[in-house]
């Protein structure tokens, strides 16, 4: 079971949601050195203490992430930050 699991609806279509996911991934890379790569409609992310994916659908996106032992105490903070970034990217796509 993932430590973080959230779903957000969108009206961007699959391609627009992919562009929004790329924008989020770029910020994560710059701020936290998180690597990402696409596998179909799933953007897989990996970094120090976190492993997860952002699955893009036509009408929603789902983020799941597993946290390492050192990151788990920050689960709530990370969850809020992911929500904020995702909401921002889906409402103001790049």
N, C-alpha and C. Protein backbone atom coordinates (compact mmCIF):
# COMPACT_ATOMS: atom_id res chain seq x y z
N UNK A 1 0.84 -1.17 0.00
CA UNK A 1 0.00 0.00 0.00
C UNK A 1 0.89 1.24 0.00
N UNK A 2 0.60 2.21 -0.91
CA UNK A 2 1.43 3.41 -0.97
C UNK A 2 1.23 4.31 0.25
N UNK A 3 2.26 5.08 0.58
CA UNK A 3 2.17 6.05 1.67
C UNK A 3 1.34 7.26 1.26
N UNK A 4 1.38 7.59 -0.02
CA UNK A 4 0.62 8.71 -0.57
C UNK A 4 -0.20 8.18 -1.74
N UNK A 5 -1.49 8.50 -1.75
CA UNK A 5 -2.38 8.05 -2.81
C UNK A 5 -3.47 9.10 -2.97
N UNK A 6 -3.43 9.84 -4.07
CA UNK A 6 -4.45 10.85 -4.29
C UNK A 6 -4.82 10.92 -5.77
N UNK A 7 -6.06 11.30 -6.02
CA UNK A 7 -6.58 11.40 -7.37
C UNK A 7 -7.20 12.78 -7.54
N UNK A 8 -6.96 13.38 -8.69
CA UNK A 8 -7.52 14.68 -9.00
C UNK A 8 -8.18 14.64 -10.38
N UNK A 9 -9.41 15.17 -10.50
CA UNK A 9 -10.05 15.27 -11.81
C UNK A 9 -9.43 16.43 -12.59
N UNK A 10 -9.58 16.38 -13.90
CA UNK A 10 -9.12 17.49 -14.73
C UNK A 10 -9.96 17.54 -16.00
N UNK A 11 -9.85 18.65 -16.70
CA UNK A 11 -10.57 18.83 -17.97
C UNK A 11 -9.59 19.11 -19.10
N UNK A 12 -8.35 18.69 -18.94
CA UNK A 12 -7.29 18.99 -19.90
C UNK A 12 -7.17 17.96 -21.02
N UNK A 13 -7.84 16.84 -20.89
CA UNK A 13 -7.59 15.74 -21.81
C UNK A 13 -6.28 15.07 -21.46
N UNK A 14 -6.03 13.93 -22.06
CA UNK A 14 -4.82 13.16 -21.73
C UNK A 14 -3.54 13.94 -22.07
N UNK A 15 -3.49 14.57 -23.25
CA UNK A 15 -2.27 15.29 -23.64
C UNK A 15 -2.00 16.49 -22.74
N UNK A 16 -3.04 17.24 -22.40
CA UNK A 16 -2.86 18.37 -21.51
C UNK A 16 -2.41 17.94 -20.12
N UNK A 17 -2.96 16.84 -19.65
CA UNK A 17 -2.56 16.32 -18.34
C UNK A 17 -1.11 15.83 -18.37
N UNK A 18 -0.68 15.28 -19.49
CA UNK A 18 0.73 14.86 -19.61
C UNK A 18 1.66 16.07 -19.54
N UNK A 19 1.27 17.16 -20.22
CA UNK A 19 2.08 18.38 -20.16
C UNK A 19 2.13 18.93 -18.73
N UNK A 20 1.00 18.88 -18.03
CA UNK A 20 0.97 19.34 -16.64
C UNK A 20 1.87 18.45 -15.77
N UNK A 21 1.83 17.15 -16.00
CA UNK A 21 2.69 16.23 -15.25
C UNK A 21 4.17 16.52 -15.52
N UNK A 22 4.49 16.83 -16.77
CA UNK A 22 5.88 17.18 -17.10
C UNK A 22 6.32 18.44 -16.35
N UNK A 23 5.42 19.40 -16.21
CA UNK A 23 5.75 20.63 -15.49
C UNK A 23 6.02 20.33 -14.02
N UNK A 24 5.19 19.49 -13.42
CA UNK A 24 5.41 19.09 -12.02
C UNK A 24 6.74 18.36 -11.89
N UNK A 25 7.02 17.44 -12.82
CA UNK A 25 8.27 16.67 -12.77
C UNK A 25 9.49 17.59 -12.89
N UNK A 26 9.39 18.62 -13.72
CA UNK A 26 10.51 19.56 -13.88
C UNK A 26 10.79 20.29 -12.57
N UNK A 27 9.72 20.70 -11.87
CA UNK A 27 9.91 21.37 -10.57
C UNK A 27 10.51 20.42 -9.54
N UNK A 28 10.03 19.18 -9.53
CA UNK A 28 10.58 18.20 -8.58
C UNK A 28 12.05 17.94 -8.86
N UNK A 29 12.41 17.87 -10.14
CA UNK A 29 13.81 17.65 -10.50
C UNK A 29 14.67 18.81 -10.01
N UNK A 30 14.21 20.03 -10.25
CA UNK A 30 14.98 21.20 -9.85
C UNK A 30 15.10 21.33 -8.34
N UNK A 31 14.01 21.08 -7.62
CA UNK A 31 14.00 21.29 -6.18
C UNK A 31 14.54 20.11 -5.38
N UNK A 32 14.23 18.88 -5.83
CA UNK A 32 14.54 17.70 -5.01
C UNK A 32 15.40 16.65 -5.71
N UNK A 33 15.83 16.95 -6.93
CA UNK A 33 16.65 16.00 -7.71
C UNK A 33 15.93 14.68 -7.92
N UNK A 34 14.64 14.75 -8.18
CA UNK A 34 13.84 13.56 -8.45
C UNK A 34 13.87 13.29 -9.95
N UNK A 35 14.17 12.07 -10.31
CA UNK A 35 14.21 11.67 -11.71
C UNK A 35 12.84 11.14 -12.12
N UNK A 36 12.53 11.31 -13.38
CA UNK A 36 11.24 10.80 -13.86
C UNK A 36 11.39 10.30 -15.30
N UNK A 37 10.49 9.37 -15.65
CA UNK A 37 10.44 8.89 -17.04
C UNK A 37 9.04 8.34 -17.31
N UNK A 38 8.61 8.52 -18.53
CA UNK A 38 7.30 8.04 -18.95
C UNK A 38 7.36 6.57 -19.32
N UNK A 39 6.31 5.86 -18.95
CA UNK A 39 6.08 4.48 -19.38
C UNK A 39 4.60 4.42 -19.73
N UNK A 40 4.28 4.58 -21.00
CA UNK A 40 2.89 4.68 -21.41
C UNK A 40 2.29 5.96 -20.84
N UNK A 41 1.20 5.84 -20.11
CA UNK A 41 0.55 7.00 -19.49
C UNK A 41 0.93 7.14 -18.02
N UNK A 42 2.03 6.55 -17.62
CA UNK A 42 2.49 6.64 -16.24
C UNK A 42 3.85 7.32 -16.19
N UNK A 43 3.91 8.40 -15.42
CA UNK A 43 5.17 9.09 -15.19
C UNK A 43 5.75 8.52 -13.91
N UNK A 44 6.80 7.76 -14.04
CA UNK A 44 7.43 7.13 -12.87
C UNK A 44 8.50 8.07 -12.32
N UNK A 45 8.47 8.24 -11.00
CA UNK A 45 9.42 9.14 -10.34
C UNK A 45 10.21 8.38 -9.29
N UNK A 46 11.44 8.82 -9.12
CA UNK A 46 12.32 8.16 -8.14
C UNK A 46 13.33 9.17 -7.65
N UNK A 47 13.54 9.17 -6.36
CA UNK A 47 14.52 10.04 -5.76
C UNK A 47 14.90 9.51 -4.39
N UNK A 48 15.70 10.28 -3.68
CA UNK A 48 16.13 9.87 -2.35
C UNK A 48 14.91 9.76 -1.44
N UNK A 49 14.57 8.56 -1.06
CA UNK A 49 13.49 8.34 -0.10
C UNK A 49 12.10 8.30 -0.68
N UNK A 50 11.96 8.37 -2.01
CA UNK A 50 10.62 8.33 -2.61
C UNK A 50 10.65 7.59 -3.94
N UNK A 51 9.58 6.85 -4.16
CA UNK A 51 9.40 6.12 -5.40
C UNK A 51 7.90 6.13 -5.69
N UNK A 52 7.51 6.53 -6.89
CA UNK A 52 6.08 6.58 -7.16
C UNK A 52 5.78 6.78 -8.63
N UNK A 53 4.51 7.08 -8.88
CA UNK A 53 4.11 7.33 -10.26
C UNK A 53 2.88 8.24 -10.30
N UNK A 54 2.77 8.91 -11.42
CA UNK A 54 1.61 9.74 -11.70
C UNK A 54 0.97 9.14 -12.95
N UNK A 55 -0.22 8.58 -12.77
CA UNK A 55 -0.93 7.93 -13.87
C UNK A 55 -1.92 8.93 -14.47
N UNK A 56 -1.78 9.19 -15.76
CA UNK A 56 -2.61 10.17 -16.45
C UNK A 56 -3.76 9.47 -17.16
N UNK A 57 -4.97 9.94 -16.89
CA UNK A 57 -6.15 9.47 -17.58
C UNK A 57 -6.79 10.61 -18.34
N UNK A 58 -7.79 10.31 -19.12
CA UNK A 58 -8.49 11.33 -19.91
C UNK A 58 -9.17 12.37 -19.02
N UNK A 59 -9.65 11.95 -17.83
CA UNK A 59 -10.40 12.85 -16.97
C UNK A 59 -9.85 12.99 -15.55
N UNK A 60 -8.80 12.23 -15.22
CA UNK A 60 -8.20 12.38 -13.89
C UNK A 60 -6.75 11.93 -13.90
N UNK A 61 -6.06 12.28 -12.84
CA UNK A 61 -4.69 11.80 -12.62
C UNK A 61 -4.64 11.21 -11.22
N UNK A 62 -3.80 10.21 -11.08
CA UNK A 62 -3.63 9.56 -9.77
C UNK A 62 -2.15 9.53 -9.45
N UNK A 63 -1.83 9.97 -8.25
CA UNK A 63 -0.45 9.96 -7.76
C UNK A 63 -0.35 8.95 -6.64
N UNK A 64 0.60 8.05 -6.77
CA UNK A 64 0.90 7.11 -5.69
C UNK A 64 2.40 7.19 -5.41
N UNK A 65 2.76 7.09 -4.16
CA UNK A 65 4.18 7.16 -3.80
C UNK A 65 4.43 6.34 -2.53
N UNK A 66 5.56 5.69 -2.53
CA UNK A 66 6.05 4.99 -1.35
C UNK A 66 7.25 5.76 -0.83
N UNK A 67 7.29 5.92 0.47
CA UNK A 67 8.35 6.70 1.10
C UNK A 67 9.30 5.80 1.87
N UNK A 68 10.56 6.15 1.82
CA UNK A 68 11.56 5.44 2.61
C UNK A 68 11.46 5.81 4.07
N UNK A 69 12.19 5.12 4.91
CA UNK A 69 12.12 5.34 6.35
C UNK A 69 12.40 6.79 6.75
N UNK A 70 13.37 7.42 6.10
CA UNK A 70 13.72 8.78 6.48
C UNK A 70 12.68 9.80 6.02
N UNK A 71 11.94 9.48 4.96
CA UNK A 71 10.93 10.41 4.44
C UNK A 71 9.57 10.23 5.11
N UNK A 72 9.30 9.09 5.69
CA UNK A 72 7.98 8.82 6.27
C UNK A 72 7.52 9.83 7.33
N UNK A 73 8.41 10.34 8.18
CA UNK A 73 7.95 11.34 9.15
C UNK A 73 7.41 12.61 8.49
N UNK A 74 7.75 12.84 7.23
CA UNK A 74 7.32 14.02 6.50
C UNK A 74 6.15 13.73 5.57
N UNK A 75 5.50 12.59 5.77
CA UNK A 75 4.42 12.15 4.88
C UNK A 75 3.34 13.21 4.70
N UNK A 76 2.83 13.77 5.79
CA UNK A 76 1.74 14.76 5.69
C UNK A 76 2.19 16.01 4.94
N UNK A 77 3.39 16.48 5.21
CA UNK A 77 3.92 17.65 4.53
C UNK A 77 4.09 17.35 3.03
N UNK A 78 4.64 16.20 2.71
CA UNK A 78 4.82 15.82 1.31
C UNK A 78 3.47 15.67 0.61
N UNK A 79 2.50 15.08 1.29
CA UNK A 79 1.16 14.91 0.72
C UNK A 79 0.56 16.26 0.36
N UNK A 80 0.65 17.22 1.28
CA UNK A 80 0.11 18.57 1.02
C UNK A 80 0.84 19.25 -0.14
N UNK A 81 2.14 19.10 -0.19
CA UNK A 81 2.91 19.73 -1.26
C UNK A 81 2.58 19.12 -2.62
N UNK A 82 2.43 17.81 -2.66
CA UNK A 82 2.05 17.15 -3.91
C UNK A 82 0.66 17.62 -4.35
N UNK A 83 -0.27 17.69 -3.40
CA UNK A 83 -1.62 18.19 -3.71
C UNK A 83 -1.56 19.60 -4.29
N UNK A 84 -0.80 20.46 -3.65
CA UNK A 84 -0.70 21.85 -4.08
C UNK A 84 -0.10 21.94 -5.50
N UNK A 85 0.99 21.23 -5.74
CA UNK A 85 1.63 21.27 -7.05
C UNK A 85 0.72 20.68 -8.14
N UNK A 86 0.07 19.60 -7.81
CA UNK A 86 -0.82 18.95 -8.77
C UNK A 86 -2.02 19.85 -9.09
N UNK A 87 -2.61 20.42 -8.05
CA UNK A 87 -3.75 21.33 -8.28
C UNK A 87 -3.32 22.53 -9.13
N UNK A 88 -2.16 23.08 -8.85
CA UNK A 88 -1.65 24.22 -9.61
C UNK A 88 -1.42 23.82 -11.07
N UNK A 89 -0.79 22.71 -11.29
CA UNK A 89 -0.47 22.28 -12.66
C UNK A 89 -1.73 21.96 -13.47
N UNK A 90 -2.73 21.38 -12.81
CA UNK A 90 -3.95 21.01 -13.53
C UNK A 90 -4.86 22.21 -13.78
N UNK A 91 -4.74 23.24 -12.95
CA UNK A 91 -5.60 24.41 -13.17
C UNK A 91 -4.91 25.46 -14.03
N UNK A 92 -3.58 25.43 -14.10
CA UNK A 92 -2.82 26.38 -14.93
C UNK A 92 -1.75 25.60 -15.70
N UNK A 93 -2.16 24.83 -16.70
CA UNK A 93 -1.20 23.98 -17.41
C UNK A 93 -0.11 24.79 -18.11
N UNK A 94 1.05 24.14 -18.25
CA UNK A 94 2.19 24.77 -18.91
C UNK A 94 1.99 24.91 -20.39
